[in-house]
Amino acid sequence: MNINWNITAACNLRCSHCYYASHSREGELDTEEAINLLASIRSYFGSGTNITLGGGEPLMREDVYEIIQHGSKLGLNMMLGTNGTLITHSIASKLLDSGLKEVIISIDGMEECHDLIRGKGTFKRSIAGAKNCRDAGLSLVIDPCLMDENVDQLTQILNLCEELGARQCRVFHFVEMGRGGRNRAGSSLNLASYTKNLYDLYDEQVKRKHLEICTTQGCQYWVVLKQAEAEGKFIPDFYLREAPGCRAGIALLSIKPDGNVVPCPLLPVVIANVRDTGLDEIMRSEIIEKLRRRDVKGKCKVCINKDLCGGCRVRAYIASGDYLGEDPLCGEVFMR
């Protein structure tokens, strides 16, 4: 199981495409609650569970090192999702000493494009942060958010991943939510651009076998890999190792700063709150059960690749208000 835990909504940046609408810290789990939650995760899911601490910007929490250290001592794989701008040499070393396994840094294109999206000067600071993590001995993942403004910079982004020594490029396709929905309405990829991008990702993966290229909510990418496998072509190791398609509620659970639990960081369907509901009850909830069964609707329900892909539940929710609805970014090429 992968736990994405937004430990704070606070952030040092105001990125134009952020899915957060507010960065208030009101109601945030305190240190004691955070430590108790780690113990609950260890008890229910076991050691080796992956926990990604995100935000906002997780380094805005003063107790982030204590949280990492405690989780690491419990045998949990602690990771950090960050914009990278605050990571100095000393902070990178402190993260490593706390027991952090991996840092995931968002870089959304080359300098001009990245700064346009995230703020002037952020590209150089994020690159410096990534280099500091690499030099400290932390595993590095680059996490670009692709949209109309930067999708044509994919090759350059992947070149940068290699230059930085990243083990993985984890592509996120922009979804118009929160501040991003207001500031960049119309910037999300349409079906044609999204489809082309997924096949471009595969072509790049073939050329860069040492760099793992995957997606977060691009669940149709699993169909692209299935098609390649059927033709006897190269497929990356994660295709056989990871839970396929949309992982929301299946291999992924998201915990918000106030303790609310949702199936995916972007899916605003609250299951319960960890302050008053145990993980065992949460994992038996009707929402989780429907996601596990892929109890989806529309063209997703009748698709031959339903169990492999399942359709993005976030895009379905935005399009129809129903998290089990059909994914609007799915064409015929993915349904065979």
C-alpha atoms as a PDB file:
ATOM      1  CA  MET A   1       0.000   0.000   0.000  1.00  0.00           C
ATOM      2  CA  ASN A   2       1.116   3.539  -0.780  1.00  0.00           C
ATOM      3  CA  ILE A   3       0.047   6.268   1.628  1.00  0.00           C
ATOM      4  CA  ASN A   4       0.128   9.839   0.356  1.00  0.00           C
ATOM      5  CA  TRP A   5      -0.046  11.984   3.473  1.00  0.00           C
ATOM      6  CA  ASN A   6      -0.330  15.744   3.055  1.00  0.00           C
ATOM      7  CA  ILE A   7       1.069  16.695   6.445  1.00  0.00           C
ATOM      8  CA  THR A   8       0.400  20.398   5.883  1.00  0.00           C
ATOM      9  CA  ALA A   9      -1.367  22.729   3.486  1.00  0.00           C
ATOM     10  CA  ALA A  10       1.213  25.438   4.180  1.00  0.00           C
ATOM     11  CA  CYS A  11       3.529  26.253   1.286  1.00  0.00           C
ATOM     12  CA  ASN A  12       6.303  28.710   0.471  1.00  0.00           C
ATOM     13  CA  LEU A  13       5.112  28.982  -3.160  1.00  0.00           C
ATOM     14  CA  ARG A  14       1.865  29.884  -4.887  1.00  0.00           C
ATOM     15  CA  CYS A  15       2.066  27.772  -8.041  1.00  0.00           C
ATOM     16  CA  SER A  16      -0.513  28.719 -10.647  1.00  0.00           C
ATOM     17  CA  HIS A  17      -1.584  25.105 -11.272  1.00  0.00           C
ATOM     18  CA  CYS A  18      -1.943  23.973  -7.646  1.00  0.00           C
ATOM     19  CA  TYR A  19      -4.987  21.872  -6.806  1.00  0.00           C
ATOM     20  CA  TYR A  20      -5.152  23.524  -3.377  1.00  0.00           C
ATOM     21  CA  ALA A  21      -7.492  26.493  -3.030  1.00  0.00           C
ATOM     22  CA  SER A  22      -6.213  27.515   0.422  1.00  0.00           C
ATOM     23  CA  HIS A  23      -2.994  27.060   2.390  1.00  0.00           C
ATOM     24  CA  SER A  24      -4.495  27.436   5.842  1.00  0.00           C
ATOM     25  CA  ARG A  25      -3.010  25.231   8.582  1.00  0.00           C
ATOM     26  CA  GLU A  26      -6.233  25.180  10.580  1.00  0.00           C
ATOM     27  CA  GLY A  27      -7.108  21.730  11.928  1.00  0.00           C
ATOM     28  CA  GLU A  28      -3.750  20.174  11.055  1.00  0.00           C
ATOM     29  CA  LEU A  29      -2.825  16.976  12.902  1.00  0.00           C
ATOM     30  CA  ASP A  30      -0.335  17.807  15.643  1.00  0.00           C
ATOM     31  CA  THR A  31       2.902  15.948  16.324  1.00  0.00           C
ATOM     32  CA  GLU A  32       1.383  13.466  18.768  1.00  0.00           C
ATOM     33  CA  GLU A  33      -1.481  12.705  16.390  1.00  0.00           C
ATOM     34  CA  ALA A  34       0.992  12.280  13.530  1.00  0.00           C
ATOM     35  CA  ILE A  35       3.103   9.810  15.499  1.00  0.00           C
ATOM     36  CA  ASN A  36       0.002   7.859  16.555  1.00  0.00           C
ATOM     37  CA  LEU A  37      -1.118   7.724  12.924  1.00  0.00           C
ATOM     38  CA  LEU A  38       2.232   6.260  11.877  1.00  0.00           C
ATOM     39  CA  ALA A  39       1.795   3.545  14.505  1.00  0.00           C
ATOM     40  CA  SER A  40      -1.695   2.786  13.161  1.00  0.00           C
ATOM     41  CA  ILE A  41      -0.381   2.559   9.590  1.00  0.00           C
ATOM     42  CA  ARG A  42       2.393   0.188  10.713  1.00  0.00           C
ATOM     43  CA  SER A  43      -0.077  -1.941  12.677  1.00  0.00           C
ATOM     44  CA  TYR A  44      -2.602  -2.257   9.861  1.00  0.00           C
ATOM     45  CA  PHE A  45      -0.497  -2.287   6.666  1.00  0.00           C
ATOM     46  CA  GLY A  46       2.774  -3.639   8.079  1.00  0.00           C
ATOM     47  CA  SER A  47       6.424  -2.731   7.680  1.00  0.00           C
ATOM     48  CA  GLY A  48       7.601  -1.715   4.233  1.00  0.00           C
ATOM     49  CA  THR A  49       4.523   0.405   3.606  1.00  0.00           C
ATOM     50  CA  ASN A  50       5.387   3.410   1.448  1.00  0.00           C
ATOM     51  CA  ILE A  51       4.520   6.775   2.952  1.00  0.00           C
ATOM     52  CA  THR A  52       5.008   9.954   0.958  1.00  0.00           C
ATOM     53  CA  LEU A  53       4.851  13.094   3.061  1.00  0.00           C
ATOM     54  CA  GLY A  54       3.534  15.939   0.950  1.00  0.00           C
ATOM     55  CA  GLY A  55       1.816  19.276   1.267  1.00  0.00           C
ATOM     56  CA  GLY A  56       1.551  22.110   0.483  1.00  0.00           C
ATOM     57  CA  GLU A  57       5.260  21.986   1.196  1.00  0.00           C
ATOM     58  CA  PRO A  58       6.069  19.395   3.886  1.00  0.00           C
ATOM     59  CA  LEU A  59       9.283  21.170   4.879  1.00  0.00           C
ATOM     60  CA  MET A  60       7.093  23.976   6.256  1.00  0.00           C
ATOM     61  CA  ARG A  61       6.319  21.676   9.194  1.00  0.00           C
ATOM     62  CA  GLU A  62       8.857  22.089  11.953  1.00  0.00           C
ATOM     63  CA  ASP A  63       8.399  18.482  13.112  1.00  0.00           C
ATOM     64  CA  VAL A  64       8.839  16.894   9.695  1.00  0.00           C
ATOM     65  CA  TYR A  65      12.174  15.335  10.679  1.00  0.00           C
ATOM     66  CA  GLU A  66      10.637  13.855  13.816  1.00  0.00           C
ATOM     67  CA  ILE A  67       7.805  12.366  11.759  1.00  0.00           C
ATOM     68  CA  ILE A  68      10.259  10.886   9.257  1.00  0.00           C
ATOM     69  CA  GLN A  69      12.470   9.471  11.996  1.00  0.00           C
ATOM     70  CA  HIS A  70       9.569   7.897  13.845  1.00  0.00           C
ATOM     71  CA  GLY A  71       8.146   6.308  10.692  1.00  0.00           C
ATOM     72  CA  SER A  72      11.553   5.004   9.665  1.00  0.00           C
ATOM     73  CA  LYS A  73      12.073   3.386  13.080  1.00  0.00           C
ATOM     74  CA  LEU A  74       8.725   1.626  12.613  1.00  0.00           C
ATOM     75  CA  GLY A  75      10.008   0.085   9.381  1.00  0.00           C
ATOM     76  CA  LEU A  76       7.965   2.305   7.057  1.00  0.00           C
ATOM     77  CA  ASN A  77       9.474   3.553   3.789  1.00  0.00           C
ATOM     78  CA  MET A  78       9.416   7.305   4.294  1.00  0.00           C
ATOM     79  CA  MET A  79       9.490   9.587   1.244  1.00  0.00           C
ATOM     80  CA  LEU A  80       9.047  13.311   0.710  1.00  0.00           C
ATOM     81  CA  GLY A  81       7.118  15.096  -2.040  1.00  0.00           C
ATOM     82  CA  THR A  82       8.433  18.655  -2.302  1.00  0.00           C
ATOM     83  CA  ASN A  83       8.987  21.593  -4.622  1.00  0.00           C
ATOM     84  CA  GLY A  84      12.671  21.313  -3.715  1.00  0.00           C
ATOM     85  CA  THR A  85      13.286  25.025  -3.267  1.00  0.00           C
ATOM     86  CA  LEU A  86      14.046  24.793   0.458  1.00  0.00           C
ATOM     87  CA  ILE A  87      16.479  21.878   0.311  1.00  0.00           C
ATOM     88  CA  THR A  88      19.980  23.075   1.165  1.00  0.00           C
ATOM     89  CA  HIS A  89      22.984  20.782   1.638  1.00  0.00           C
ATOM     90  CA  SER A  90      22.328  20.676   5.386  1.00  0.00           C
ATOM     91  CA  ILE A  91      18.608  19.964   4.989  1.00  0.00           C
ATOM     92  CA  ALA A  92      19.323  17.133   2.527  1.00  0.00           C
ATOM     93  CA  SER A  93      21.767  15.614   5.035  1.00  0.00           C
ATOM     94  CA  LYS A  94      19.267  16.027   7.850  1.00  0.00           C
ATOM     95  CA  LEU A  95      16.574  14.294   5.789  1.00  0.00           C
ATOM     96  CA  LEU A  96      18.926  11.390   5.126  1.00  0.00           C
ATOM     97  CA  ASP A  97      19.924  11.158   8.784  1.00  0.00           C
ATOM     98  CA  SER A  98      16.232  11.111   9.754  1.00  0.00           C
ATOM     99  CA  GLY A  99      15.778   7.928   7.736  1.00  0.00           C
ATOM    100  CA  LEU A 100      14.198   9.334   4.569  1.00  0.00           C
ATOM    101  CA  LYS A 101      14.435   6.940   1.606  1.00  0.00           C
ATOM    102  CA  GLU A 102      13.527   9.157  -1.332  1.00  0.00           C
ATOM    103  CA  VAL A 103      12.761  12.720  -2.392  1.00  0.00           C
ATOM    104  CA  ILE A 104      10.205  13.505  -5.101  1.00  0.00           C
ATOM    105  CA  ILE A 105      10.726  16.951  -6.641  1.00  0.00           C
ATOM    106  CA  SER A 106       8.351  18.708  -9.022  1.00  0.00           C
ATOM    107  CA  ILE A 107      10.036  20.184 -12.099  1.00  0.00           C
ATOM    108  CA  ASP A 108       7.616  21.296 -14.792  1.00  0.00           C
ATOM    109  CA  GLY A 109       9.874  22.118 -17.720  1.00  0.00           C
ATOM    110  CA  MET A 110      12.898  24.228 -18.533  1.00  0.00           C
ATOM    111  CA  GLU A 111      13.603  27.439 -16.633  1.00  0.00           C
ATOM    112  CA  GLU A 112      11.301  29.880 -18.430  1.00  0.00           C
ATOM    113  CA  CYS A 113       8.362  27.480 -18.456  1.00  0.00           C
ATOM    114  CA  HIS A 114       8.865  26.207 -14.906  1.00  0.00           C
ATOM    115  CA  ASP A 115       9.155  29.756 -13.541  1.00  0.00           C
ATOM    116  CA  LEU A 116       6.054  30.829 -15.445  1.00  0.00           C
ATOM    117  CA  ILE A 117       4.096  28.088 -13.671  1.00  0.00           C
ATOM    118  CA  ARG A 118       5.718  28.137 -10.223  1.00  0.00           C
ATOM    119  CA  GLY A 119       7.266  31.582  -9.804  1.00  0.00           C
ATOM    120  CA  LYS A 120      10.399  33.453 -10.829  1.00  0.00           C
ATOM    121  CA  GLY A 121      13.615  31.840  -9.635  1.00  0.00           C
ATOM    122  CA  THR A 122      12.005  28.560  -8.606  1.00  0.00           C
ATOM    123  CA  PHE A 123      13.648  26.484 -11.358  1.00  0.00           C
ATOM    124  CA  LYS A 124      17.199  27.175 -10.201  1.00  0.00           C
ATOM    125  CA  ARG A 125      16.240  26.617  -6.575  1.00  0.00           C
ATOM    126  CA  SER A 126      14.484  23.318  -7.361  1.00  0.00           C
ATOM    127  CA  ILE A 127      17.446  22.104  -9.422  1.00  0.00           C
ATOM    128  CA  ALA A 128      19.805  23.032  -6.592  1.00  0.00           C
ATOM    129  CA  GLY A 129      17.573  21.133  -4.168  1.00  0.00           C
ATOM    130  CA  ALA A 130      17.591  18.063  -6.406  1.00  0.00           C
ATOM    131  CA  LYS A 131      21.387  18.157  -6.659  1.00  0.00           C
ATOM    132  CA  ASN A 132      21.701  18.510  -2.906  1.00  0.00           C
ATOM    133  CA  CYS A 133      19.526  15.415  -2.431  1.00  0.00           C
ATOM    134  CA  ARG A 134      21.576  13.472  -4.958  1.00  0.00           C
ATOM    135  CA  ASP A 135      24.858  14.533  -3.361  1.00  0.00           C
ATOM    136  CA  ALA A 136      23.574  13.530   0.088  1.00  0.00           C
ATOM    137  CA  GLY A 137      22.810  10.016  -1.196  1.00  0.00           C
ATOM    138  CA  LEU A 138      19.009  10.254  -1.288  1.00  0.00           C
ATOM    139  CA  SER A 139      17.089   8.489  -4.040  1.00  0.00           C
ATOM    140  CA  LEU A 140      15.571  11.066  -6.407  1.00  0.00           C
ATOM    141  CA  VAL A 141      12.333  11.131  -8.403  1.00  0.00           C
ATOM    142  CA  ILE A 142      11.310  13.999 -10.696  1.00  0.00           C
ATOM    143  CA  ASP A 143       7.571  14.640 -10.847  1.00  0.00           C
ATOM    144  CA  PRO A 144       6.566  16.945 -13.745  1.00  0.00           C
ATOM    145  CA  CYS A 145       3.007  18.178 -14.208  1.00  0.00           C
ATOM    146  CA  LEU A 146       2.231  18.163 -17.929  1.00  0.00           C
ATOM    147  CA  MET A 147      -0.202  20.573 -19.545  1.00  0.00           C
ATOM    148  CA  ASP A 148      -0.530  22.445 -22.840  1.00  0.00           C
ATOM    149  CA  GLU A 149       2.203  24.901 -21.832  1.00  0.00           C
ATOM    150  CA  ASN A 150       4.930  22.297 -21.298  1.00  0.00           C
ATOM    151  CA  VAL A 151       3.952  18.979 -22.906  1.00  0.00           C
ATOM    152  CA  ASP A 152       6.303  19.701 -25.807  1.00  0.00           C
ATOM    153  CA  GLN A 153       9.213  19.850 -23.327  1.00  0.00           C
ATOM    154  CA  LEU A 154       8.921  16.168 -22.365  1.00  0.00           C
ATOM    155  CA  THR A 155      12.234  15.182 -23.966  1.00  0.00           C
ATOM    156  CA  GLN A 156      14.040  18.057 -22.241  1.00  0.00           C
ATOM    157  CA  ILE A 157      12.484  17.129 -18.897  1.00  0.00           C
ATOM    158  CA  LEU A 158      13.632  13.526 -19.309  1.00  0.00           C
ATOM    159  CA  ASN A 159      17.123  14.703 -20.280  1.00  0.00           C
ATOM    160  CA  LEU A 160      17.158  16.724 -17.072  1.00  0.00           C
ATOM    161  CA  CYS A 161      16.091  13.659 -15.070  1.00  0.00           C
ATOM    162  CA  GLU A 162      19.104  11.789 -16.418  1.00  0.00           C
ATOM    163  CA  GLU A 163      21.449  14.707 -15.745  1.00  0.00           C
ATOM    164  CA  LEU A 164      20.240  14.886 -12.141  1.00  0.00           C
ATOM    165  CA  GLY A 165      20.639  11.131 -11.619  1.00  0.00           C
ATOM    166  CA  ALA A 166      16.945  10.533 -10.931  1.00  0.00           C
ATOM    167  CA  ARG A 167      15.853   6.910 -10.748  1.00  0.00           C
ATOM    168  CA  GLN A 168      12.369   7.739 -11.999  1.00  0.00           C
ATOM    169  CA  CYS A 169      10.308  10.350 -13.831  1.00  0.00           C
ATOM    170  CA  ARG A 170       6.754  10.179 -12.514  1.00  0.00           C
ATOM    171  CA  VAL A 171       4.527  12.130 -14.899  1.00  0.00           C
ATOM    172  CA  PHE A 172       1.397  13.847 -13.643  1.00  0.00           C
ATOM    173  CA  HIS A 173      -1.158  15.121 -16.147  1.00  0.00           C
ATOM    174  CA  PHE A 174      -2.642  18.435 -15.038  1.00  0.00           C
ATOM    175  CA  VAL A 175      -6.171  18.336 -13.666  1.00  0.00           C
ATOM    176  CA  GLU A 176      -8.055  21.623 -13.373  1.00  0.00           C
ATOM    177  CA  MET A 177      -8.787  21.908  -9.658  1.00  0.00           C
ATOM    178  CA  GLY A 178      -8.387  24.510  -6.912  1.00  0.00           C
ATOM    179  CA  ARG A 179      -6.170  27.445  -7.864  1.00  0.00           C
ATOM    180  CA  GLY A 180      -5.187  25.609 -11.036  1.00  0.00           C
ATOM    181  CA  GLY A 181      -8.818  25.438 -12.095  1.00  0.00           C
ATOM    182  CA  ARG A 182      -9.051  29.221 -11.807  1.00  0.00           C
ATOM    183  CA  ASN A 183      -5.672  30.223 -13.195  1.00  0.00           C
ATOM    184  CA  ARG A 184      -5.136  27.641 -15.911  1.00  0.00           C
ATOM    185  CA  ALA A 185      -8.593  26.718 -17.118  1.00  0.00           C
ATOM    186  CA  GLY A 186      -8.221  25.016 -20.489  1.00  0.00           C
ATOM    187  CA  SER A 187      -4.583  24.036 -19.926  1.00  0.00           C
ATOM    188  CA  SER A 188      -5.230  20.334 -19.321  1.00  0.00           C
ATOM    189  CA  LEU A 189      -4.462  18.063 -22.261  1.00  0.00           C
ATOM    190  CA  ASN A 190      -7.306  17.126 -24.580  1.00  0.00           C
ATOM    191  CA  LEU A 191      -7.831  13.527 -25.662  1.00  0.00           C
ATOM    192  CA  ALA A 192      -5.603  13.773 -28.733  1.00  0.00           C
ATOM    193  CA  SER A 193      -2.710  15.402 -26.842  1.00  0.00           C
ATOM    194  CA  TYR A 194      -3.071  13.045 -23.886  1.00  0.00           C
ATOM    195  CA  THR A 195      -3.099   9.976 -26.125  1.00  0.00           C
ATOM    196  CA  LYS A 196      -0.036  11.163 -28.050  1.00  0.00           C
ATOM    197  CA  ASN A 197       1.776  11.908 -24.813  1.00  0.00           C
ATOM    198  CA  LEU A 198       1.235   8.401 -23.425  1.00  0.00           C
ATOM    199  CA  TYR A 199       2.688   6.836 -26.564  1.00  0.00           C
ATOM    200  CA  ASP A 200       5.536   9.369 -26.475  1.00  0.00           C
ATOM    201  CA  LEU A 201       6.247   8.295 -22.896  1.00  0.00           C
ATOM    202  CA  TYR A 202       6.569   4.692 -24.047  1.00  0.00           C
ATOM    203  CA  ASP A 203       8.875   5.640 -26.934  1.00  0.00           C
ATOM    204  CA  GLU A 204      11.082   7.547 -24.503  1.00  0.00           C
ATOM    205  CA  GLN A 205      11.055   4.610 -22.072  1.00  0.00           C
ATOM    206  CA  VAL A 206      12.384   2.310 -24.796  1.00  0.00           C
ATOM    207  CA  LYS A 207      15.264   4.737 -25.390  1.00  0.00           C
ATOM    208  CA  ARG A 208      15.959   5.286 -21.682  1.00  0.00           C
ATOM    209  CA  LYS A 209      15.720   1.838 -20.086  1.00  0.00           C
ATOM    210  CA  HIS A 210      17.819   2.953 -17.095  1.00  0.00           C
ATOM    211  CA  LEU A 211      15.280   5.674 -16.223  1.00  0.00           C
ATOM    212  CA  GLU A 212      11.892   4.438 -15.035  1.00  0.00           C
ATOM    213  CA  ILE A 213       9.139   6.489 -16.691  1.00  0.00           C
ATOM    214  CA  CYS A 214       5.683   6.110 -15.202  1.00  0.00           C
ATOM    215  CA  THR A 215       2.518   8.084 -14.584  1.00  0.00           C
ATOM    216  CA  THR A 216       0.461   8.950 -11.521  1.00  0.00           C
ATOM    217  CA  GLN A 217      -3.096   9.233 -12.839  1.00  0.00           C
ATOM    218  CA  GLY A 218      -2.387   8.368 -16.506  1.00  0.00           C
ATOM    219  CA  CYS A 219      -3.975   4.973 -15.998  1.00  0.00           C
ATOM    220  CA  GLN A 220      -4.353   4.362 -19.763  1.00  0.00           C
ATOM    221  CA  TYR A 221      -0.560   4.100 -19.907  1.00  0.00           C
ATOM    222  CA  TRP A 222      -0.994   0.537 -18.649  1.00  0.00           C
ATOM    223  CA  VAL A 223      -2.926  -0.206 -21.843  1.00  0.00           C
ATOM    224  CA  VAL A 224      -0.048   1.216 -23.899  1.00  0.00           C
ATOM    225  CA  LEU A 225       2.334  -1.127 -22.055  1.00  0.00           C
ATOM    226  CA  LYS A 226      -0.031  -4.058 -22.505  1.00  0.00           C
ATOM    227  CA  GLN A 227      -0.116  -3.402 -26.239  1.00  0.00           C
ATOM    228  CA  ALA A 228       3.693  -3.300 -26.323  1.00  0.00           C
ATOM    229  CA  GLU A 229       3.898  -6.576 -24.398  1.00  0.00           C
ATOM    230  CA  ALA A 230       1.495  -8.233 -26.861  1.00  0.00           C
ATOM    231  CA  GLU A 231       3.814  -7.213 -29.684  1.00  0.00           C
ATOM    232  CA  GLY A 232       6.864  -8.636 -27.911  1.00  0.00           C
ATOM    233  CA  LYS A 233       8.345  -5.208 -27.242  1.00  0.00           C
ATOM    234  CA  PHE A 234      10.206  -3.938 -24.193  1.00  0.00           C
ATOM    235  CA  ILE A 235       8.201  -3.296 -21.035  1.00  0.00           C
ATOM    236  CA  PRO A 236       9.580  -1.713 -17.831  1.00  0.00           C
ATOM    237  CA  ASP A 237       9.818  -3.764 -14.644  1.00  0.00           C
ATOM    238  CA  PHE A 238       7.131  -1.787 -12.824  1.00  0.00           C
ATOM    239  CA  TYR A 239       4.532  -3.105 -15.293  1.00  0.00           C
ATOM    240  CA  LEU A 240       4.836  -6.501 -13.617  1.00  0.00           C
ATOM    241  CA  ARG A 241       5.467  -5.167 -10.108  1.00  0.00           C
ATOM    242  CA  GLU A 242       2.972  -2.385  -9.427  1.00  0.00           C
ATOM    243  CA  ALA A 243      -0.805  -2.371  -9.106  1.00  0.00           C
ATOM    244  CA  PRO A 244      -2.106  -1.402 -12.559  1.00  0.00           C
ATOM    245  CA  GLY A 245      -4.221   1.527 -13.691  1.00  0.00           C
ATOM    246  CA  CYS A 246      -6.066   3.772 -11.272  1.00  0.00           C
ATOM    247  CA  ARG A 247      -4.806   2.857  -7.812  1.00  0.00           C
ATOM    248  CA  ALA A 248      -7.181   5.067  -5.820  1.00  0.00           C
ATOM    249  CA  GLY A 249      -8.385   3.081  -2.807  1.00  0.00           C
ATOM    250  CA  ILE A 250      -6.764  -0.068  -4.202  1.00  0.00           C
ATOM    251  CA  ALA A 251      -3.027   0.511  -3.775  1.00  0.00           C
ATOM    252  CA  LEU A 252      -3.216   4.151  -2.755  1.00  0.00           C
ATOM    253  CA  LEU A 253      -4.749   6.015   0.150  1.00  0.00           C
ATOM    254  CA  SER A 254      -4.482   9.731   0.809  1.00  0.00           C
ATOM    255  CA  ILE A 255      -4.584  11.463   4.183  1.00  0.00           C
ATOM    256  CA  LYS A 256      -5.228  15.199   4.311  1.00  0.00           C
ATOM    257  CA  PRO A 257      -3.648  17.628   6.820  1.00  0.00           C
ATOM    258  CA  ASP A 258      -6.788  17.578   8.988  1.00  0.00           C
ATOM    259  CA  GLY A 259      -6.929  13.758   9.045  1.00  0.00           C
ATOM    260  CA  ASN A 260      -9.594  13.283   6.391  1.00  0.00           C
ATOM    261  CA  VAL A 261      -8.989  10.170   4.307  1.00  0.00           C
ATOM    262  CA  VAL A 262      -9.680  10.133   0.561  1.00  0.00           C
ATOM    263  CA  PRO A 263      -8.858   7.459  -2.042  1.00  0.00           C
ATOM    264  CA  CYS A 264      -6.488   9.730  -3.995  1.00  0.00           C
ATOM    265  CA  PRO A 265      -4.880  13.114  -3.215  1.00  0.00           C
ATOM    266  CA  LEU A 266      -7.022  14.871  -5.836  1.00  0.00           C
ATOM    267  CA  LEU A 267     -10.285  13.012  -5.299  1.00  0.00           C
ATOM    268  CA  PRO A 268     -12.439  15.019  -2.810  1.00  0.00           C
ATOM    269  CA  VAL A 269     -14.540  12.053  -1.702  1.00  0.00           C
ATOM    270  CA  VAL A 270     -14.028  11.781   2.064  1.00  0.00           C
ATOM    271  CA  ILE A 271     -14.204   8.264   3.498  1.00  0.00           C
ATOM    272  CA  ALA A 272     -13.659   9.168   7.157  1.00  0.00           C
ATOM    273  CA  ASN A 273     -11.257  10.971   9.475  1.00  0.00           C
ATOM    274  CA  VAL A 274      -8.377   9.214  11.246  1.00  0.00           C
ATOM    275  CA  ARG A 275      -9.173  11.150  14.415  1.00  0.00           C
ATOM    276  CA  ASP A 276     -12.324   9.099  14.955  1.00  0.00           C
ATOM    277  CA  THR A 277     -12.155   6.114  12.575  1.00  0.00           C
ATOM    278  CA  GLY A 278      -9.613   3.284  12.467  1.00  0.00           C
ATOM    279  CA  LEU A 279      -7.862   2.188   9.290  1.00  0.00           C
ATOM    280  CA  ASP A 280      -9.539  -1.218   9.444  1.00  0.00           C
ATOM    281  CA  GLU A 281     -12.964   0.401   9.231  1.00  0.00           C
ATOM    282  CA  ILE A 282     -11.793   2.832   6.551  1.00  0.00           C
ATOM    283  CA  MET A 283     -10.503  -0.003   4.379  1.00  0.00           C
ATOM    284  CA  ARG A 284     -13.869  -1.799   4.715  1.00  0.00           C
ATOM    285  CA  SER A 285     -15.836   1.279   3.638  1.00  0.00           C
ATOM    286  CA  GLU A 286     -18.290   1.211   0.749  1.00  0.00           C
ATOM    287  CA  ILE A 287     -16.188   3.721  -1.194  1.00  0.00           C
ATOM    288  CA  ILE A 288     -13.080   1.538  -0.980  1.00  0.00           C
ATOM    289  CA  GLU A 289     -15.025  -1.610  -1.851  1.00  0.00           C
ATOM    290  CA  LYS A 290     -16.514  -0.016  -4.979  1.00  0.00           C
ATOM    291  CA  LEU A 291     -13.089   1.129  -6.119  1.00  0.00           C
ATOM    292  CA  ARG A 292     -11.580  -2.301  -5.472  1.00  0.00           C
ATOM    293  CA  ARG A 293     -14.299  -3.948  -7.558  1.00  0.00           C
ATOM    294  CA  ARG A 294     -13.820  -1.344 -10.295  1.00  0.00           C
ATOM    295  CA  ASP A 295     -17.543  -0.710  -9.999  1.00  0.00           C
ATOM    296  CA  VAL A 296     -17.276   1.970 -12.677  1.00  0.00           C
ATOM    297  CA  LYS A 297     -19.824   3.269 -15.156  1.00  0.00           C
ATOM    298  CA  GLY A 298     -20.232   4.295 -18.787  1.00  0.00           C
ATOM    299  CA  LYS A 299     -17.583   3.296 -21.284  1.00  0.00           C
ATOM    300  CA  CYS A 300     -15.206   2.374 -18.435  1.00  0.00           C
ATOM    301  CA  LYS A 301     -17.656  -0.324 -17.306  1.00  0.00           C
ATOM    302  CA  VAL A 302     -17.764  -2.072 -20.683  1.00  0.00           C
ATOM    303  CA  CYS A 303     -14.093  -1.587 -21.579  1.00  0.00           C
ATOM    304  CA  ILE A 304     -12.042  -4.741 -22.138  1.00  0.00           C
ATOM    305  CA  ASN A 305      -9.262  -3.101 -20.106  1.00  0.00           C
ATOM    306  CA  LYS A 306     -11.403  -2.194 -17.093  1.00  0.00           C
ATOM    307  CA  ASP A 307      -9.377  -4.296 -14.650  1.00  0.00           C
ATOM    308  CA  LEU A 308      -6.067  -3.092 -16.097  1.00  0.00           C
ATOM    309  CA  CYS A 309      -6.902   0.610 -16.331  1.00  0.00           C
ATOM    310  CA  GLY A 310     -10.169   1.426 -14.580  1.00  0.00           C
ATOM    311  CA  GLY A 311     -10.191   5.039 -15.765  1.00  0.00           C
ATOM    312  CA  CYS A 312      -9.036   8.022 -13.710  1.00  0.00           C
ATOM    313  CA  ARG A 313     -11.519   8.533 -10.887  1.00  0.00           C
ATOM    314  CA  VAL A 314     -10.499  12.180 -10.449  1.00  0.00           C
ATOM    315  CA  ARG A 315     -11.194  13.116 -14.054  1.00  0.00           C
ATOM    316  CA  ALA A 316     -14.460  11.196 -13.868  1.00  0.00           C
ATOM    317  CA  TYR A 317     -15.477  13.126 -10.754  1.00  0.00           C
ATOM    318  CA  ILE A 318     -14.637  16.499 -12.272  1.00  0.00           C
ATOM    319  CA  ALA A 319     -16.505  15.701 -15.471  1.00  0.00           C
ATOM    320  CA  SER A 320     -19.666  14.231 -13.934  1.00  0.00           C
ATOM    321  CA  GLY A 321     -19.616  14.689 -10.158  1.00  0.00           C
ATOM    322  CA  ASP A 322     -19.505  10.883  -9.864  1.00  0.00           C
ATOM    323  CA  TYR A 323     -16.202   9.295  -8.866  1.00  0.00           C
ATOM    324  CA  LEU A 324     -17.366   6.052 -10.497  1.00  0.00           C
ATOM    325  CA  GLY A 325     -18.256   7.744 -13.798  1.00  0.00           C
ATOM    326  CA  GLU A 326     -16.399   7.277 -17.053  1.00  0.00           C
ATOM    327  CA  ASP A 327     -13.002   8.866 -17.657  1.00  0.00           C
ATOM    328  CA  PRO A 328     -13.406  11.584 -20.316  1.00  0.00           C
ATOM    329  CA  LEU A 329      -9.770  11.178 -21.423  1.00  0.00           C
ATOM    330  CA  CYS A 330     -10.192   7.714 -22.885  1.00  0.00           C
ATOM    331  CA  GLY A 331     -10.473   6.954 -26.596  1.00  0.00           C
ATOM    332  CA  GLU A 332     -10.987   3.875 -28.719  1.00  0.00           C
ATOM    333  CA  VAL A 333      -7.256   3.219 -28.948  1.00  0.00           C
ATOM    334  CA  PHE A 334      -7.264   2.330 -25.240  1.00  0.00           C
ATOM    335  CA  MET A 335     -10.338   0.088 -25.432  1.00  0.00           C
ATOM    336  CA  ARG A 336      -8.829  -2.802 -27.322  1.00  0.00           C
END
